[in-house]
Amino acid sequence: MNGRLVFLGLLFVCVAVCLIESGVFGPLRPLQPSCSDMGEIVACPLNLAPVCGSDGNTYANECTLCAERQMTKVDILIAKDESC
């Protein structure tokens, strides 16, 4: 019986680590957007790939988040790759 409990405990830990590492639960901390690659933003593409900013706002895509960062001079990060 003790061997079975140890096995199940180790199995649980392995599954939990695999799920966390695979990103099933989303990123563990906000991600830095790749704004430095963009320079001064004049216009963003119209593609819809929503990101949730660390400010609680949903942005249409990463470019619009970066444009907001440039305009407001606030360090907005990507909280998750979907709507807030």
PDB file of N, CA and C in Angstrom:
ATOM      1  N   MET A   1       0.819  -1.194   0.000  1.00  0.00           N
ATOM      2  CA  MET A   1       0.000   0.000   0.000  1.00  0.00           C
ATOM      3  C   MET A   1       0.867   1.264   0.000  1.00  0.00           C
ATOM      4  N   ASN A   2       1.931   1.306   0.824  1.00  0.00           N
ATOM      5  CA  ASN A   2       2.811   2.476   0.864  1.00  0.00           C
ATOM      6  C   ASN A   2       3.517   2.696  -0.468  1.00  0.00           C
ATOM      7  N   GLY A   3       3.912   1.611  -1.114  1.00  0.00           N
ATOM      8  CA  GLY A   3       4.555   1.717  -2.425  1.00  0.00           C
ATOM      9  C   GLY A   3       3.622   2.326  -3.451  1.00  0.00           C
ATOM     10  N   ARG A   4       2.353   1.960  -3.379  1.00  0.00           N
ATOM     11  CA  ARG A   4       1.364   2.494  -4.316  1.00  0.00           C
ATOM     12  C   ARG A   4       1.169   4.001  -4.085  1.00  0.00           C
ATOM     13  N   LEU A   5       1.131   4.422  -2.825  1.00  0.00           N
ATOM     14  CA  LEU A   5       0.972   5.847  -2.521  1.00  0.00           C
ATOM     15  C   LEU A   5       2.180   6.660  -2.991  1.00  0.00           C
ATOM     16  N   VAL A   6       3.362   6.111  -2.794  1.00  0.00           N
ATOM     17  CA  VAL A   6       4.573   6.794  -3.254  1.00  0.00           C
ATOM     18  C   VAL A   6       4.544   6.923  -4.770  1.00  0.00           C
ATOM     19  N   PHE A   7       4.176   5.841  -5.455  1.00  0.00           N
ATOM     20  CA  PHE A   7       4.098   5.862  -6.915  1.00  0.00           C
ATOM     21  C   PHE A   7       3.085   6.906  -7.388  1.00  0.00           C
ATOM     22  N   LEU A   8       1.901   6.918  -6.787  1.00  0.00           N
ATOM     23  CA  LEU A   8       0.870   7.875  -7.186  1.00  0.00           C
ATOM     24  C   LEU A   8       1.304   9.314  -6.893  1.00  0.00           C
ATOM     25  N   GLY A   9       1.988   9.521  -5.783  1.00  0.00           N
ATOM     26  CA  GLY A   9       2.490  10.854  -5.459  1.00  0.00           C
ATOM     27  C   GLY A   9       3.506  11.337  -6.478  1.00  0.00           C
ATOM     28  N   LEU A  10       4.443  10.465  -6.846  1.00  0.00           N
ATOM     29  CA  LEU A  10       5.443  10.827  -7.853  1.00  0.00           C
ATOM     30  C   LEU A  10       4.800  11.061  -9.216  1.00  0.00           C
ATOM     31  N   LEU A  11       3.820  10.243  -9.555  1.00  0.00           N
ATOM     32  CA  LEU A  11       3.103  10.412 -10.816  1.00  0.00           C
ATOM     33  C   LEU A  11       2.393  11.765 -10.846  1.00  0.00           C
ATOM     34  N   PHE A  12       1.755  12.124  -9.744  1.00  0.00           N
ATOM     35  CA  PHE A  12       1.070  13.415  -9.655  1.00  0.00           C
ATOM     36  C   PHE A  12       2.051  14.569  -9.851  1.00  0.00           C
ATOM     37  N   VAL A  13       3.195  14.503  -9.198  1.00  0.00           N
ATOM     38  CA  VAL A  13       4.206  15.557  -9.320  1.00  0.00           C
ATOM     39  C   VAL A  13       4.692  15.662 -10.765  1.00  0.00           C
ATOM     40  N   CYS A  14       4.944  14.530 -11.404  1.00  0.00           N
ATOM     41  CA  CYS A  14       5.409  14.536 -12.798  1.00  0.00           C
ATOM     42  C   CYS A  14       4.376  15.155 -13.732  1.00  0.00           C
ATOM     43  N   VAL A  15       3.125  14.778 -13.557  1.00  0.00           N
ATOM     44  CA  VAL A  15       2.057  15.330 -14.401  1.00  0.00           C
ATOM     45  C   VAL A  15       1.926  16.831 -14.167  1.00  0.00           C
ATOM     46  N   ALA A  16       1.979  17.261 -12.918  1.00  0.00           N
ATOM     47  CA  ALA A  16       1.864  18.690 -12.605  1.00  0.00           C
ATOM     48  C   ALA A  16       3.004  19.480 -13.239  1.00  0.00           C
ATOM     49  N   VAL A  17       4.215  18.982 -13.138  1.00  0.00           N
ATOM     50  CA  VAL A  17       5.371  19.668 -13.722  1.00  0.00           C
ATOM     51  C   VAL A  17       5.234  19.737 -15.240  1.00  0.00           C
ATOM     52  N   CYS A  18       4.812  18.647 -15.861  1.00  0.00           N
ATOM     53  CA  CYS A  18       4.630  18.632 -17.320  1.00  0.00           C
ATOM     54  C   CYS A  18       3.581  19.645 -17.759  1.00  0.00           C
ATOM     55  N   LEU A  19       2.476  19.732 -17.040  1.00  0.00           N
ATOM     56  CA  LEU A  19       1.418  20.679 -17.394  1.00  0.00           C
ATOM     57  C   LEU A  19       1.880  22.122 -17.229  1.00  0.00           C
ATOM     58  N   ILE A  20       2.595  22.394 -16.171  1.00  0.00           N
ATOM     59  CA  ILE A  20       3.085  23.755 -15.939  1.00  0.00           C
ATOM     60  C   ILE A  20       4.102  24.145 -17.008  1.00  0.00           C
ATOM     61  N   GLU A  21       5.042  23.258 -17.305  1.00  0.00           N
ATOM     62  CA  GLU A  21       6.076  23.536 -18.299  1.00  0.00           C
ATOM     63  C   GLU A  21       5.505  23.696 -19.701  1.00  0.00           C
ATOM     64  N   SER A  22       4.426  22.977 -20.012  1.00  0.00           N
ATOM     65  CA  SER A  22       3.848  23.046 -21.354  1.00  0.00           C
ATOM     66  C   SER A  22       3.036  24.314 -21.559  1.00  0.00           C
ATOM     67  N   GLY A  23       2.762  25.044 -20.494  1.00  0.00           N
ATOM     68  CA  GLY A  23       2.012  26.283 -20.611  1.00  0.00           C
ATOM     69  C   GLY A  23       0.510  26.110 -20.607  1.00  0.00           C
ATOM     70  N   VAL A  24       0.023  24.959 -20.185  1.00  0.00           N
ATOM     71  CA  VAL A  24      -1.419  24.718 -20.136  1.00  0.00           C
ATOM     72  C   VAL A  24      -2.105  25.751 -19.262  1.00  0.00           C
ATOM     73  N   PHE A  25      -1.462  26.161 -18.196  1.00  0.00           N
ATOM     74  CA  PHE A  25      -2.041  27.121 -17.268  1.00  0.00           C
ATOM     75  C   PHE A  25      -1.660  28.555 -17.617  1.00  0.00           C
ATOM     76  N   GLY A  26      -1.101  28.757 -18.796  1.00  0.00           N
ATOM     77  CA  GLY A  26      -0.684  30.092 -19.212  1.00  0.00           C
ATOM     78  C   GLY A  26       0.686  30.415 -18.645  1.00  0.00           C
ATOM     79  N   PRO A  27       1.228  31.552 -19.029  1.00  0.00           N
ATOM     80  CA  PRO A  27       2.546  31.919 -18.516  1.00  0.00           C
ATOM     81  C   PRO A  27       2.493  32.175 -17.017  1.00  0.00           C
ATOM     82  N   LEU A  28       3.575  31.852 -16.336  1.00  0.00           N
ATOM     83  CA  LEU A  28       3.626  32.038 -14.895  1.00  0.00           C
ATOM     84  C   LEU A  28       3.865  33.495 -14.522  1.00  0.00           C
ATOM     85  N   ARG A  29       4.340  34.280 -15.446  1.00  0.00           N
ATOM     86  CA  ARG A  29       4.559  35.703 -15.189  1.00  0.00           C
ATOM     87  C   ARG A  29       4.283  36.454 -16.495  1.00  0.00           C
ATOM     88  N   PRO A  30       4.011  37.747 -16.418  1.00  0.00           N
ATOM     89  CA  PRO A  30       3.771  38.510 -17.649  1.00  0.00           C
ATOM     90  C   PRO A  30       4.982  38.463 -18.576  1.00  0.00           C
ATOM     91  N   LEU A  31       4.715  38.466 -19.867  1.00  0.00           N
ATOM     92  CA  LEU A  31       5.771  38.389 -20.873  1.00  0.00           C
ATOM     93  C   LEU A  31       6.069  39.769 -21.446  1.00  0.00           C
ATOM     94  N   GLN A  32       7.319  39.999 -21.753  1.00  0.00           N
ATOM     95  CA  GLN A  32       7.746  41.251 -22.364  1.00  0.00           C
ATOM     96  C   GLN A  32       7.374  41.212 -23.845  1.00  0.00           C
ATOM     97  N   PRO A  33       6.609  42.176 -24.361  1.00  0.00           N
ATOM     98  CA  PRO A  33       6.293  42.186 -25.792  1.00  0.00           C
ATOM     99  C   PRO A  33       7.533  42.545 -26.606  1.00  0.00           C
ATOM    100  N   SER A  34       7.524  42.198 -27.875  1.00  0.00           N
ATOM    101  CA  SER A  34       8.690  42.449 -28.729  1.00  0.00           C
ATOM    102  C   SER A  34       8.582  43.818 -29.404  1.00  0.00           C
ATOM    103  N   CYS A  35       8.405  44.846 -28.610  1.00  0.00           N
ATOM    104  CA  CYS A  35       8.241  46.205 -29.135  1.00  0.00           C
ATOM    105  C   CYS A  35       9.546  46.778 -29.673  1.00  0.00           C
ATOM    106  N   SER A  36      10.667  46.358 -29.137  1.00  0.00           N
ATOM    107  CA  SER A  36      11.946  46.929 -29.558  1.00  0.00           C
ATOM    108  C   SER A  36      12.237  46.630 -31.021  1.00  0.00           C
ATOM    109  N   ASP A  37      11.616  45.581 -31.573  1.00  0.00           N
ATOM    110  CA  ASP A  37      11.808  45.231 -32.980  1.00  0.00           C
ATOM    111  C   ASP A  37      11.026  46.158 -33.907  1.00  0.00           C
ATOM    112  N   MET A  38      10.120  46.969 -33.363  1.00  0.00           N
ATOM    113  CA  MET A  38       9.177  47.719 -34.190  1.00  0.00           C
ATOM    114  C   MET A  38       9.569  49.164 -34.452  1.00  0.00           C
ATOM    115  N   GLY A  39      10.440  49.755 -33.660  1.00  0.00           N
ATOM    116  CA  GLY A  39      10.755  51.167 -33.840  1.00  0.00           C
ATOM    117  C   GLY A  39       9.541  52.020 -33.514  1.00  0.00           C
ATOM    118  N   GLU A  40       9.433  53.191 -34.162  1.00  0.00           N
ATOM    119  CA  GLU A  40       8.262  54.038 -33.935  1.00  0.00           C
ATOM    120  C   GLU A  40       7.083  53.467 -34.716  1.00  0.00           C
ATOM    121  N   ILE A  41       5.981  53.232 -34.035  1.00  0.00           N
ATOM    122  CA  ILE A  41       4.817  52.606 -34.661  1.00  0.00           C
ATOM    123  C   ILE A  41       3.918  53.688 -35.243  1.00  0.00           C
ATOM    124  N   VAL A  42       3.687  53.600 -36.551  1.00  0.00           N
ATOM    125  CA  VAL A  42       2.802  54.531 -37.239  1.00  0.00           C
ATOM    126  C   VAL A  42       1.429  53.891 -37.412  1.00  0.00           C
ATOM    127  N   ALA A  43       1.413  52.607 -37.782  1.00  0.00           N
ATOM    128  CA  ALA A  43       0.155  51.874 -37.960  1.00  0.00           C
ATOM    129  C   ALA A  43       0.416  50.405 -37.665  1.00  0.00           C
ATOM    130  N   CYS A  44      -0.607  49.722 -37.169  1.00  0.00           N
ATOM    131  CA  CYS A  44      -0.510  48.291 -36.869  1.00  0.00           C
ATOM    132  C   CYS A  44      -1.360  47.503 -37.859  1.00  0.00           C
ATOM    133  N   PRO A  45      -0.999  46.247 -38.109  1.00  0.00           N
ATOM    134  CA  PRO A  45      -1.838  45.411 -38.975  1.00  0.00           C
ATOM    135  C   PRO A  45      -3.203  45.180 -38.327  1.00  0.00           C
ATOM    136  N   LEU A  46      -4.181  44.869 -39.140  1.00  0.00           N
ATOM    137  CA  LEU A  46      -5.542  44.696 -38.649  1.00  0.00           C
ATOM    138  C   LEU A  46      -5.848  43.265 -38.223  1.00  0.00           C
ATOM    139  N   ASN A  47      -4.829  42.399 -38.207  1.00  0.00           N
ATOM    140  CA  ASN A  47      -5.089  41.009 -37.807  1.00  0.00           C
ATOM    141  C   ASN A  47      -5.547  40.946 -36.350  1.00  0.00           C
ATOM    142  N   LEU A  48      -6.456  40.036 -36.078  1.00  0.00           N
ATOM    143  CA  LEU A  48      -6.982  39.879 -34.721  1.00  0.00           C
ATOM    144  C   LEU A  48      -6.273  38.711 -34.047  1.00  0.00           C
ATOM    145  N   ALA A  49      -5.393  39.033 -33.123  1.00  0.00           N
ATOM    146  CA  ALA A  49      -4.668  38.050 -32.315  1.00  0.00           C
ATOM    147  C   ALA A  49      -4.601  38.636 -30.911  1.00  0.00           C
ATOM    148  N   PRO A  50      -5.738  38.645 -30.198  1.00  0.00           N
ATOM    149  CA  PRO A  50      -5.843  39.382 -28.934  1.00  0.00           C
ATOM    150  C   PRO A  50      -4.795  38.992 -27.899  1.00  0.00           C
ATOM    151  N   VAL A  51      -4.314  40.010 -27.207  1.00  0.00           N
ATOM    152  CA  VAL A  51      -3.434  39.810 -26.056  1.00  0.00           C
ATOM    153  C   VAL A  51      -3.995  40.619 -24.898  1.00  0.00           C
ATOM    154  N   CYS A  52      -3.834  40.085 -23.710  1.00  0.00           N
ATOM    155  CA  CYS A  52      -4.284  40.766 -22.499  1.00  0.00           C
ATOM    156  C   CYS A  52      -3.086  41.487 -21.901  1.00  0.00           C
ATOM    157  N   GLY A  53      -3.208  42.783 -21.752  1.00  0.00           N
ATOM    158  CA  GLY A  53      -2.127  43.569 -21.174  1.00  0.00           C
ATOM    159  C   GLY A  53      -2.134  43.496 -19.660  1.00  0.00           C
ATOM    160  N   SER A  54      -0.983  43.748 -19.074  1.00  0.00           N
ATOM    161  CA  SER A  54      -0.873  43.737 -17.614  1.00  0.00           C
ATOM    162  C   SER A  54      -1.671  44.876 -16.984  1.00  0.00           C
ATOM    163  N   ASP A  55      -2.162  45.796 -17.812  1.00  0.00           N
ATOM    164  CA  ASP A  55      -3.013  46.884 -17.324  1.00  0.00           C
ATOM    165  C   ASP A  55      -4.489  46.491 -17.303  1.00  0.00           C
ATOM    166  N   GLY A  56      -4.796  45.239 -17.693  1.00  0.00           N
ATOM    167  CA  GLY A  56      -6.174  44.751 -17.667  1.00  0.00           C
ATOM    168  C   GLY A  56      -6.954  45.010 -18.941  1.00  0.00           C
ATOM    169  N   ASN A  57      -6.327  45.627 -19.938  1.00  0.00           N
ATOM    170  CA  ASN A  57      -6.994  45.896 -21.213  1.00  0.00           C
ATOM    171  C   ASN A  57      -6.664  44.822 -22.237  1.00  0.00           C
ATOM    172  N   THR A  58      -7.635  44.537 -23.116  1.00  0.00           N
ATOM    173  CA  THR A  58      -7.413  43.617 -24.227  1.00  0.00           C
ATOM    174  C   THR A  58      -6.995  44.433 -25.442  1.00  0.00           C
ATOM    175  N   TYR A  59      -5.917  44.014 -26.092  1.00  0.00           N
ATOM    176  CA  TYR A  59      -5.414  44.671 -27.295  1.00  0.00           C
ATOM    177  C   TYR A  59      -5.622  43.739 -28.479  1.00  0.00           C
ATOM    178  N   ALA A  60      -5.916  44.307 -29.650  1.00  0.00           N
ATOM    179  CA  ALA A  60      -6.216  43.507 -30.843  1.00  0.00           C
ATOM    180  C   ALA A  60      -5.053  42.598 -31.216  1.00  0.00           C
ATOM    181  N   ASN A  61      -3.834  43.063 -30.998  1.00  0.00           N
ATOM    182  CA  ASN A  61      -2.637  42.262 -31.272  1.00  0.00           C
ATOM    183  C   ASN A  61      -1.457  42.887 -30.515  1.00  0.00           C
ATOM    184  N   GLU A  62      -0.321  42.261 -30.618  1.00  0.00           N
ATOM    185  CA  GLU A  62       0.855  42.732 -29.874  1.00  0.00           C
ATOM    186  C   GLU A  62       1.296  44.122 -30.325  1.00  0.00           C
ATOM    187  N   CYS A  63       1.109  44.412 -31.608  1.00  0.00           N
ATOM    188  CA  CYS A  63       1.491  45.726 -32.129  1.00  0.00           C
ATOM    189  C   CYS A  63       0.678  46.837 -31.470  1.00  0.00           C
ATOM    190  N   THR A  64      -0.628  46.630 -31.302  1.00  0.00           N
ATOM    191  CA  THR A  64      -1.447  47.673 -30.672  1.00  0.00           C
ATOM    192  C   THR A  64      -1.067  47.856 -29.202  1.00  0.00           C
ATOM    193  N   LEU A  65      -0.657  46.779 -28.544  1.00  0.00           N
ATOM    194  CA  LEU A  65      -0.153  46.896 -27.172  1.00  0.00           C
ATOM    195  C   LEU A  65       1.126  47.739 -27.169  1.00  0.00           C
ATOM    196  N   CYS A  66       2.011  47.479 -28.122  1.00  0.00           N
ATOM    197  CA  CYS A  66       3.261  48.245 -28.209  1.00  0.00           C
ATOM    198  C   CYS A  66       2.991  49.711 -28.535  1.00  0.00           C
ATOM    199  N   ALA A  67       2.008  49.973 -29.382  1.00  0.00           N
ATOM    200  CA  ALA A  67       1.649  51.358 -29.705  1.00  0.00           C
ATOM    201  C   ALA A  67       1.164  52.083 -28.454  1.00  0.00           C
ATOM    202  N   GLU A  68       0.377  51.404 -27.646  1.00  0.00           N
ATOM    203  CA  GLU A  68      -0.103  51.997 -26.386  1.00  0.00           C
ATOM    204  C   GLU A  68       1.067  52.270 -25.439  1.00  0.00           C
ATOM    205  N   ARG A  69       2.025  51.344 -25.392  1.00  0.00           N
ATOM    206  CA  ARG A  69       3.228  51.545 -24.565  1.00  0.00           C
ATOM    207  C   ARG A  69       3.980  52.793 -25.006  1.00  0.00           C
ATOM    208  N   GLN A  70       4.113  52.953 -26.339  1.00  0.00           N
ATOM    209  CA  GLN A  70       4.845  54.114 -26.860  1.00  0.00           C
ATOM    210  C   GLN A  70       4.124  55.421 -26.548  1.00  0.00           C
ATOM    211  N   MET A  71       2.794  55.425 -26.688  1.00  0.00           N
ATOM    212  CA  MET A  71       2.032  56.661 -26.457  1.00  0.00           C
ATOM    213  C   MET A  71       1.995  57.047 -24.981  1.00  0.00           C
ATOM    214  N   THR A  72       1.805  56.056 -24.103  1.00  0.00           N
ATOM    215  CA  THR A  72       1.621  56.356 -22.680  1.00  0.00           C
ATOM    216  C   THR A  72       2.914  56.318 -21.875  1.00  0.00           C
ATOM    217  N   LYS A  73       3.970  55.737 -22.453  1.00  0.00           N
ATOM    218  CA  LYS A  73       5.253  55.562 -21.741  1.00  0.00           C
ATOM    219  C   LYS A  73       5.088  54.705 -20.484  1.00  0.00           C
ATOM    220  N   VAL A  74       4.100  53.785 -20.511  1.00  0.00           N
ATOM    221  CA  VAL A  74       3.851  52.859 -19.405  1.00  0.00           C
ATOM    222  C   VAL A  74       4.353  51.486 -19.826  1.00  0.00           C
ATOM    223  N   ASP A  75       5.022  50.778 -18.934  1.00  0.00           N
ATOM    224  CA  ASP A  75       5.587  49.460 -19.234  1.00  0.00           C
ATOM    225  C   ASP A  75       4.498  48.387 -19.147  1.00  0.00           C
ATOM    226  N   ILE A  76       3.686  48.267 -20.202  1.00  0.00           N
ATOM    227  CA  ILE A  76       2.608  47.280 -20.246  1.00  0.00           C
ATOM    228  C   ILE A  76       3.190  45.964 -20.748  1.00  0.00           C
ATOM    229  N   LEU A  77       2.938  44.891 -20.025  1.00  0.00           N
ATOM    230  CA  LEU A  77       3.418  43.566 -20.400  1.00  0.00           C
ATOM    231  C   LEU A  77       2.259  42.728 -20.914  1.00  0.00           C
ATOM    232  N   ILE A  78       2.564  41.558 -21.486  1.00  0.00           N
ATOM    233  CA  ILE A  78       1.533  40.633 -21.949  1.00  0.00           C
ATOM    234  C   ILE A  78       1.209  39.685 -20.805  1.00  0.00           C
ATOM    235  N   ALA A  79      -0.002  39.807 -20.267  1.00  0.00           N
ATOM    236  CA  ALA A  79      -0.429  38.930 -19.175  1.00  0.00           C
ATOM    237  C   ALA A  79      -0.789  37.550 -19.712  1.00  0.00           C
ATOM    238  N   LYS A  80      -1.444  37.508 -20.888  1.00  0.00           N
ATOM    239  CA  LYS A  80      -1.768  36.229 -21.532  1.00  0.00           C
ATOM    240  C   LYS A  80      -2.077  36.466 -22.998  1.00  0.00           C
ATOM    241  N   ASP A  81      -1.930  35.418 -23.802  1.00  0.00           N
ATOM    242  CA  ASP A  81      -2.148  35.495 -25.244  1.00  0.00           C
ATOM    243  C   ASP A  81      -3.603  35.225 -25.597  1.00  0.00           C
ATOM    244  N   GLU A  82      -4.496  35.987 -25.037  1.00  0.00           N
ATOM    245  CA  GLU A  82      -5.929  35.911 -25.323  1.00  0.00           C
ATOM    246  C   GLU A  82      -6.583  37.132 -24.695  1.00  0.00           C
ATOM    247  N   SER A  83      -7.873  37.289 -24.922  1.00  0.00           N
ATOM    248  CA  SER A  83      -8.586  38.421 -24.330  1.00  0.00           C
ATOM    249  C   SER A  83      -8.541  38.349 -22.809  1.00  0.00           C
ATOM    250  N   CYS A  84      -8.624  39.504 -22.181  1.00  0.00           N
ATOM    251  CA  CYS A  84      -8.625  39.557 -20.712  1.00  0.00           C
ATOM    252  C   CYS A  84      -9.916  38.982 -20.142  1.00  0.00           C
TER     253      CYS A  84
END
